């Protein structure tokens, strides 16, 4: 069995992840998430759940669009770290809101379809704008 995780597989999985969130496809989303998925905040504290994902899952908010900027990858054997800026446009009870953040994701190989799983996510503050 091949142990290296190819960046092309991660890029395809990331595209499916963002599409599933925007198109409200929970089954496609959950197929990409590892059963061992864990979330951390910008201080490294483990979170039980993401308020954003919980609101999305309960259909209290809708993700209208996701803009990805400055994405970088670091491959490390069976894992790939992906980091980048995100601008998420949300529709919810308070109207349209824009959330900006830097999101660190850890993808790992999986023996089940689609072959990769999102193992970890860490939400960090967005980088300050350059002047």
N, C-alpha and C. Protein backbone atom coordinates (compact mmCIF):
# COMPACT_ATOMS: atom_id res chain seq x y z
N UNK A 1 0.84 -1.18 0.00
CA UNK A 1 0.00 0.00 0.00
C UNK A 1 0.88 1.25 0.00
N UNK A 2 0.53 2.16 -0.81
CA UNK A 2 1.28 3.41 -0.93
C UNK A 2 1.03 4.27 0.31
N UNK A 3 2.10 4.76 0.95
CA UNK A 3 1.94 5.52 2.18
C UNK A 3 1.94 7.03 1.94
N UNK A 4 2.48 7.48 0.81
CA UNK A 4 2.53 8.91 0.56
C UNK A 4 1.17 9.44 0.14
N UNK A 5 0.84 10.59 0.62
CA UNK A 5 -0.40 11.26 0.24
C UNK A 5 -0.04 12.34 -0.77
N UNK A 6 -0.62 12.27 -1.93
CA UNK A 6 -0.31 13.20 -3.01
C UNK A 6 -1.09 14.50 -2.84
N UNK A 7 -0.44 15.63 -3.15
CA UNK A 7 -1.10 16.93 -3.01
C UNK A 7 -2.31 17.04 -3.92
N UNK A 8 -2.30 16.36 -5.08
CA UNK A 8 -3.46 16.41 -5.97
C UNK A 8 -4.69 15.79 -5.31
N UNK A 9 -4.50 14.71 -4.53
CA UNK A 9 -5.63 14.10 -3.81
C UNK A 9 -6.18 15.07 -2.77
N UNK A 10 -5.29 15.77 -2.09
CA UNK A 10 -5.72 16.73 -1.07
C UNK A 10 -6.45 17.90 -1.72
N UNK A 11 -5.92 18.41 -2.83
CA UNK A 11 -6.59 19.51 -3.53
C UNK A 11 -7.98 19.12 -3.97
N UNK A 12 -8.14 17.90 -4.48
CA UNK A 12 -9.47 17.43 -4.89
C UNK A 12 -10.39 17.29 -3.69
N UNK A 13 -9.87 16.77 -2.58
CA UNK A 13 -10.68 16.62 -1.37
C UNK A 13 -11.08 17.98 -0.81
N UNK A 14 -10.16 18.93 -0.85
CA UNK A 14 -10.49 20.29 -0.38
C UNK A 14 -11.61 20.89 -1.24
N UNK A 15 -11.52 20.72 -2.55
CA UNK A 15 -12.57 21.24 -3.44
C UNK A 15 -13.92 20.60 -3.10
N UNK A 16 -13.92 19.28 -2.86
CA UNK A 16 -15.18 18.61 -2.48
C UNK A 16 -15.68 19.10 -1.13
N UNK A 17 -14.77 19.35 -0.19
CA UNK A 17 -15.15 19.87 1.13
C UNK A 17 -15.85 21.22 1.01
N UNK A 18 -15.23 22.16 0.29
CA UNK A 18 -15.82 23.50 0.16
C UNK A 18 -17.14 23.43 -0.60
N UNK A 19 -17.22 22.61 -1.65
CA UNK A 19 -18.48 22.46 -2.40
C UNK A 19 -19.58 21.89 -1.51
N UNK A 20 -19.24 20.89 -0.70
CA UNK A 20 -20.24 20.28 0.20
C UNK A 20 -20.78 21.31 1.19
N UNK A 21 -19.91 22.19 1.69
CA UNK A 21 -20.35 23.21 2.64
C UNK A 21 -21.26 24.24 1.96
N UNK A 22 -20.89 24.70 0.78
CA UNK A 22 -21.69 25.72 0.09
C UNK A 22 -23.01 25.14 -0.41
N UNK A 23 -23.00 23.89 -0.86
CA UNK A 23 -24.20 23.28 -1.43
C UNK A 23 -25.04 22.51 -0.41
N UNK A 24 -24.70 22.57 0.84
CA UNK A 24 -25.34 21.86 1.95
C UNK A 24 -25.52 20.39 1.61
N UNK A 25 -24.38 19.69 1.56
CA UNK A 25 -24.36 18.26 1.29
C UNK A 25 -23.69 17.55 2.47
N UNK A 26 -24.43 17.32 3.55
CA UNK A 26 -23.82 16.74 4.76
C UNK A 26 -23.19 15.37 4.55
N UNK A 27 -23.78 14.53 3.69
CA UNK A 27 -23.19 13.21 3.48
C UNK A 27 -21.82 13.30 2.83
N UNK A 28 -21.67 14.20 1.84
CA UNK A 28 -20.37 14.38 1.20
C UNK A 28 -19.37 14.95 2.20
N UNK A 29 -19.82 15.88 3.03
CA UNK A 29 -18.95 16.46 4.03
C UNK A 29 -18.45 15.40 5.01
N UNK A 30 -19.37 14.61 5.55
CA UNK A 30 -19.00 13.63 6.56
C UNK A 30 -18.13 12.51 5.98
N UNK A 31 -18.24 12.24 4.67
CA UNK A 31 -17.37 11.25 4.04
C UNK A 31 -15.91 11.71 4.04
N UNK A 32 -15.71 13.03 4.10
CA UNK A 32 -14.35 13.58 4.09
C UNK A 32 -13.76 13.75 5.48
N UNK A 33 -14.58 13.66 6.51
CA UNK A 33 -14.11 13.89 7.88
C UNK A 33 -13.69 12.59 8.54
N UNK A 34 -12.56 12.61 9.17
CA UNK A 34 -12.09 11.45 9.91
C UNK A 34 -12.97 11.24 11.13
N UNK A 35 -13.24 9.98 11.50
CA UNK A 35 -13.97 9.74 12.76
C UNK A 35 -13.20 10.29 13.97
N UNK A 36 -11.89 10.47 13.82
CA UNK A 36 -11.05 11.00 14.90
C UNK A 36 -10.84 12.51 14.79
N UNK A 37 -11.62 13.19 13.94
CA UNK A 37 -11.45 14.62 13.72
C UNK A 37 -11.44 15.39 15.04
N UNK A 38 -10.47 16.28 15.18
CA UNK A 38 -10.48 17.17 16.33
C UNK A 38 -10.21 18.59 15.87
N UNK A 39 -10.78 19.54 16.59
CA UNK A 39 -10.70 20.96 16.27
C UNK A 39 -9.98 21.67 17.40
N UNK A 40 -9.19 22.67 17.04
CA UNK A 40 -8.54 23.50 18.05
C UNK A 40 -8.75 24.97 17.69
N UNK A 41 -8.71 25.81 18.71
CA UNK A 41 -8.84 27.24 18.46
C UNK A 41 -7.45 27.86 18.30
N UNK A 42 -7.41 29.17 18.14
CA UNK A 42 -6.13 29.85 17.89
C UNK A 42 -5.16 29.77 19.05
N UNK A 43 -5.62 29.37 20.23
CA UNK A 43 -4.74 29.19 21.38
C UNK A 43 -4.32 27.73 21.56
N UNK A 44 -4.73 26.88 20.63
CA UNK A 44 -4.39 25.47 20.70
C UNK A 44 -5.29 24.65 21.61
N UNK A 45 -6.36 25.26 22.10
CA UNK A 45 -7.29 24.55 22.98
C UNK A 45 -8.24 23.70 22.13
N UNK A 46 -8.40 22.47 22.54
CA UNK A 46 -9.29 21.55 21.81
C UNK A 46 -10.74 22.01 21.96
N UNK A 47 -11.48 21.96 20.85
CA UNK A 47 -12.90 22.30 20.85
C UNK A 47 -13.70 21.03 20.58
N UNK A 48 -14.84 20.91 21.24
CA UNK A 48 -15.70 19.75 20.98
C UNK A 48 -16.39 19.87 19.63
N UNK A 49 -16.73 21.10 19.24
CA UNK A 49 -17.42 21.32 17.97
C UNK A 49 -17.17 22.74 17.51
N UNK A 50 -17.26 22.93 16.23
CA UNK A 50 -17.14 24.26 15.67
C UNK A 50 -18.53 24.89 15.66
N UNK A 51 -18.70 26.09 16.25
CA UNK A 51 -20.00 26.74 16.21
C UNK A 51 -20.49 26.97 14.79
N UNK A 52 -19.56 27.26 13.89
CA UNK A 52 -19.91 27.46 12.49
C UNK A 52 -20.47 26.18 11.88
N UNK A 53 -19.76 25.06 12.07
CA UNK A 53 -20.23 23.79 11.52
C UNK A 53 -21.51 23.32 12.20
N UNK A 54 -21.65 23.57 13.49
CA UNK A 54 -22.87 23.18 14.20
C UNK A 54 -24.07 23.96 13.67
N UNK A 55 -23.91 25.25 13.45
CA UNK A 55 -24.98 26.06 12.88
C UNK A 55 -25.32 25.65 11.47
N UNK A 56 -24.29 25.30 10.69
CA UNK A 56 -24.49 24.82 9.32
C UNK A 56 -25.25 23.50 9.33
N UNK A 57 -24.81 22.58 10.20
CA UNK A 57 -25.43 21.26 10.27
C UNK A 57 -26.89 21.33 10.71
N UNK A 58 -27.20 22.28 11.59
CA UNK A 58 -28.58 22.46 12.06
C UNK A 58 -29.40 23.33 11.11
N UNK A 59 -28.77 23.80 10.04
CA UNK A 59 -29.40 24.64 9.02
C UNK A 59 -29.82 26.00 9.55
N UNK A 60 -29.15 26.47 10.61
CA UNK A 60 -29.41 27.81 11.12
C UNK A 60 -28.66 28.86 10.31
N UNK A 61 -27.58 28.42 9.69
CA UNK A 61 -26.82 29.31 8.81
C UNK A 61 -26.58 28.59 7.49
N UNK A 62 -26.39 29.39 6.46
CA UNK A 62 -26.06 28.87 5.14
C UNK A 62 -24.75 29.51 4.71
N UNK A 63 -23.85 28.71 4.20
CA UNK A 63 -22.60 29.24 3.67
C UNK A 63 -22.85 29.59 2.22
N UNK A 64 -22.87 30.90 1.95
CA UNK A 64 -23.17 31.37 0.61
C UNK A 64 -21.96 31.26 -0.31
N UNK A 65 -20.78 31.48 0.22
CA UNK A 65 -19.56 31.41 -0.60
C UNK A 65 -18.35 31.26 0.30
N UNK A 66 -17.32 30.64 -0.24
CA UNK A 66 -16.03 30.50 0.44
C UNK A 66 -14.97 30.96 -0.54
N UNK A 67 -14.21 31.95 -0.13
CA UNK A 67 -13.09 32.45 -0.93
C UNK A 67 -11.80 31.99 -0.27
N UNK A 68 -10.97 31.29 -1.03
CA UNK A 68 -9.69 30.82 -0.51
C UNK A 68 -8.59 31.70 -1.07
N UNK A 69 -7.65 32.05 -0.18
CA UNK A 69 -6.53 32.89 -0.59
C UNK A 69 -5.26 32.37 0.06
N UNK A 70 -4.15 32.49 -0.63
CA UNK A 70 -2.83 32.19 -0.07
C UNK A 70 -2.74 30.79 0.53
N UNK A 71 -3.13 29.77 -0.21
CA UNK A 71 -3.07 28.40 0.29
C UNK A 71 -1.67 27.83 0.11
N UNK A 72 -1.18 27.16 1.16
CA UNK A 72 0.12 26.51 1.13
C UNK A 72 -0.04 25.08 1.63
N UNK A 73 0.78 24.17 1.09
CA UNK A 73 0.76 22.77 1.51
C UNK A 73 2.15 22.33 1.95
N UNK A 74 2.17 21.42 2.93
CA UNK A 74 3.41 20.79 3.36
C UNK A 74 3.11 19.29 3.49
N UNK A 75 3.72 18.50 2.62
CA UNK A 75 3.52 17.05 2.63
C UNK A 75 4.49 16.42 3.61
N UNK A 76 3.97 15.45 4.36
CA UNK A 76 4.79 14.75 5.35
C UNK A 76 4.33 13.29 5.38
N UNK A 77 4.79 12.49 4.41
CA UNK A 77 4.42 11.07 4.35
C UNK A 77 2.94 10.88 4.08
N UNK A 78 2.24 10.28 5.04
CA UNK A 78 0.82 9.97 4.88
C UNK A 78 -0.08 11.14 5.27
N UNK A 79 0.52 12.30 5.56
CA UNK A 79 -0.26 13.48 5.94
C UNK A 79 0.16 14.68 5.10
N UNK A 80 -0.79 15.60 4.92
CA UNK A 80 -0.51 16.87 4.27
C UNK A 80 -1.12 17.97 5.12
N UNK A 81 -0.32 18.96 5.47
CA UNK A 81 -0.80 20.15 6.17
C UNK A 81 -1.14 21.19 5.12
N UNK A 82 -2.32 21.80 5.28
CA UNK A 82 -2.75 22.85 4.37
C UNK A 82 -3.13 24.05 5.22
N UNK A 83 -2.63 25.20 4.85
CA UNK A 83 -2.98 26.42 5.55
C UNK A 83 -3.32 27.49 4.52
N UNK A 84 -4.18 28.39 4.91
CA UNK A 84 -4.53 29.47 4.01
C UNK A 84 -5.63 30.33 4.59
N UNK A 85 -5.75 31.50 4.01
CA UNK A 85 -6.77 32.46 4.41
C UNK A 85 -8.10 32.07 3.78
N UNK A 86 -9.16 32.22 4.55
CA UNK A 86 -10.52 31.98 4.06
C UNK A 86 -11.40 33.17 4.36
N UNK A 87 -12.26 33.48 3.43
CA UNK A 87 -13.33 34.46 3.65
C UNK A 87 -14.62 33.69 3.44
N UNK A 88 -15.42 33.57 4.49
CA UNK A 88 -16.65 32.79 4.44
C UNK A 88 -17.83 33.74 4.55
N UNK A 89 -18.70 33.70 3.54
CA UNK A 89 -19.90 34.52 3.51
C UNK A 89 -21.06 33.68 4.04
N UNK A 90 -21.64 34.13 5.16
CA UNK A 90 -22.71 33.38 5.82
C UNK A 90 -24.03 34.12 5.73
N UNK A 91 -25.10 33.38 5.52
CA UNK A 91 -26.47 33.90 5.64
C UNK A 91 -27.08 33.24 6.85
N UNK A 92 -27.60 34.05 7.77
CA UNK A 92 -28.20 33.50 8.98
C UNK A 92 -29.22 34.44 9.55
N UNK A 93 -29.55 34.22 10.81
CA UNK A 93 -30.58 35.02 11.46
C UNK A 93 -30.20 36.49 11.59
N UNK A 94 -28.91 36.81 11.48
CA UNK A 94 -28.46 38.20 11.56
C UNK A 94 -28.10 38.76 10.19
N UNK A 95 -28.63 38.16 9.13
CA UNK A 95 -28.33 38.62 7.78
C UNK A 95 -27.02 38.05 7.27
N UNK A 96 -26.47 38.67 6.25
CA UNK A 96 -25.21 38.22 5.66
C UNK A 96 -24.05 38.72 6.49
N UNK A 97 -23.13 37.81 6.80
CA UNK A 97 -21.93 38.16 7.57
C UNK A 97 -20.71 37.60 6.85
N UNK A 98 -19.60 38.28 7.04
CA UNK A 98 -18.33 37.84 6.47
C UNK A 98 -17.42 37.46 7.62
N UNK A 99 -16.88 36.26 7.56
CA UNK A 99 -15.90 35.78 8.54
C UNK A 99 -14.59 35.56 7.81
N UNK A 100 -13.52 36.14 8.33
CA UNK A 100 -12.19 35.90 7.77
C UNK A 100 -11.36 35.17 8.80
N UNK A 101 -10.56 34.23 8.33
CA UNK A 101 -9.75 33.42 9.24
C UNK A 101 -8.62 32.77 8.46
N UNK A 102 -7.66 32.28 9.20
CA UNK A 102 -6.63 31.40 8.65
C UNK A 102 -6.98 30.03 9.20
N UNK A 103 -7.05 29.06 8.32
CA UNK A 103 -7.46 27.72 8.72
C UNK A 103 -6.33 26.75 8.42
N UNK A 104 -5.87 26.03 9.44
CA UNK A 104 -4.85 25.00 9.29
C UNK A 104 -5.57 23.66 9.29
N UNK A 105 -5.36 22.88 8.22
CA UNK A 105 -5.99 21.58 8.09
C UNK A 105 -4.93 20.50 7.97
N UNK A 106 -5.20 19.34 8.57
CA UNK A 106 -4.33 18.19 8.45
C UNK A 106 -5.13 17.08 7.79
N UNK A 107 -4.69 16.69 6.60
CA UNK A 107 -5.32 15.61 5.85
C UNK A 107 -4.46 14.37 5.97
N UNK A 108 -5.10 13.21 6.03
CA UNK A 108 -4.38 11.95 6.14
C UNK A 108 -4.99 10.92 5.19
N UNK A 109 -4.19 9.91 4.84
CA UNK A 109 -4.71 8.83 3.98
C UNK A 109 -5.79 8.07 4.72
N UNK A 110 -6.71 7.53 3.94
CA UNK A 110 -7.79 6.73 4.49
C UNK A 110 -8.00 5.51 3.60
N UNK A 111 -8.36 4.39 4.21
CA UNK A 111 -8.61 3.18 3.42
C UNK A 111 -10.02 3.17 2.84
N UNK A 112 -10.85 4.11 3.27
CA UNK A 112 -12.21 4.20 2.74
C UNK A 112 -12.28 5.32 1.69
N UNK A 113 -13.33 5.30 0.91
CA UNK A 113 -13.53 6.37 -0.08
C UNK A 113 -13.73 7.67 0.68
N UNK A 114 -13.19 8.74 0.25
CA UNK A 114 -12.49 9.05 -0.99
C UNK A 114 -10.98 8.86 -0.94
N UNK A 115 -10.44 8.16 0.05
CA UNK A 115 -9.01 7.91 0.12
C UNK A 115 -8.24 8.87 1.02
N UNK A 116 -8.87 9.97 1.40
CA UNK A 116 -8.27 10.93 2.33
C UNK A 116 -9.33 11.36 3.32
N UNK A 117 -8.88 11.73 4.50
CA UNK A 117 -9.78 12.24 5.55
C UNK A 117 -9.17 13.50 6.15
N UNK A 118 -10.04 14.41 6.53
CA UNK A 118 -9.61 15.57 7.29
C UNK A 118 -9.49 15.14 8.74
N UNK A 119 -8.27 15.18 9.26
CA UNK A 119 -7.99 14.69 10.61
C UNK A 119 -8.10 15.80 11.65
N UNK A 120 -7.67 17.01 11.29
CA UNK A 120 -7.64 18.09 12.26
C UNK A 120 -7.82 19.43 11.58
N UNK A 121 -8.46 20.37 12.30
CA UNK A 121 -8.58 21.75 11.85
C UNK A 121 -8.29 22.67 13.01
N UNK A 122 -7.55 23.72 12.73
CA UNK A 122 -7.26 24.75 13.72
C UNK A 122 -7.63 26.09 13.11
N UNK A 123 -8.50 26.83 13.80
CA UNK A 123 -8.93 28.14 13.33
C UNK A 123 -8.01 29.18 13.97
N UNK A 124 -7.35 29.96 13.12
CA UNK A 124 -6.44 31.01 13.56
C UNK A 124 -6.96 32.35 13.08
N UNK A 125 -6.56 33.43 13.74
CA UNK A 125 -6.96 34.76 13.24
C UNK A 125 -6.38 34.99 11.85
N UNK A 126 -7.12 35.74 11.04
CA UNK A 126 -6.64 36.08 9.71
C UNK A 126 -5.42 36.98 9.84
N UNK A 127 -4.56 36.91 8.85
CA UNK A 127 -3.37 37.77 8.82
C UNK A 127 -3.82 39.22 8.66
N UNK A 128 -3.13 40.16 9.31
CA UNK A 128 -3.49 41.56 9.11
C UNK A 128 -3.22 41.98 7.67
N UNK A 129 -4.05 42.87 7.12
CA UNK A 129 -3.82 43.30 5.74
C UNK A 129 -2.50 44.03 5.61
N UNK A 130 -1.84 43.85 4.47
CA UNK A 130 -0.57 44.53 4.18
C UNK A 130 -0.87 45.95 3.70
N UNK A 131 -0.08 46.89 4.14
CA UNK A 131 -0.28 48.29 3.71
C UNK A 131 0.80 48.72 2.77
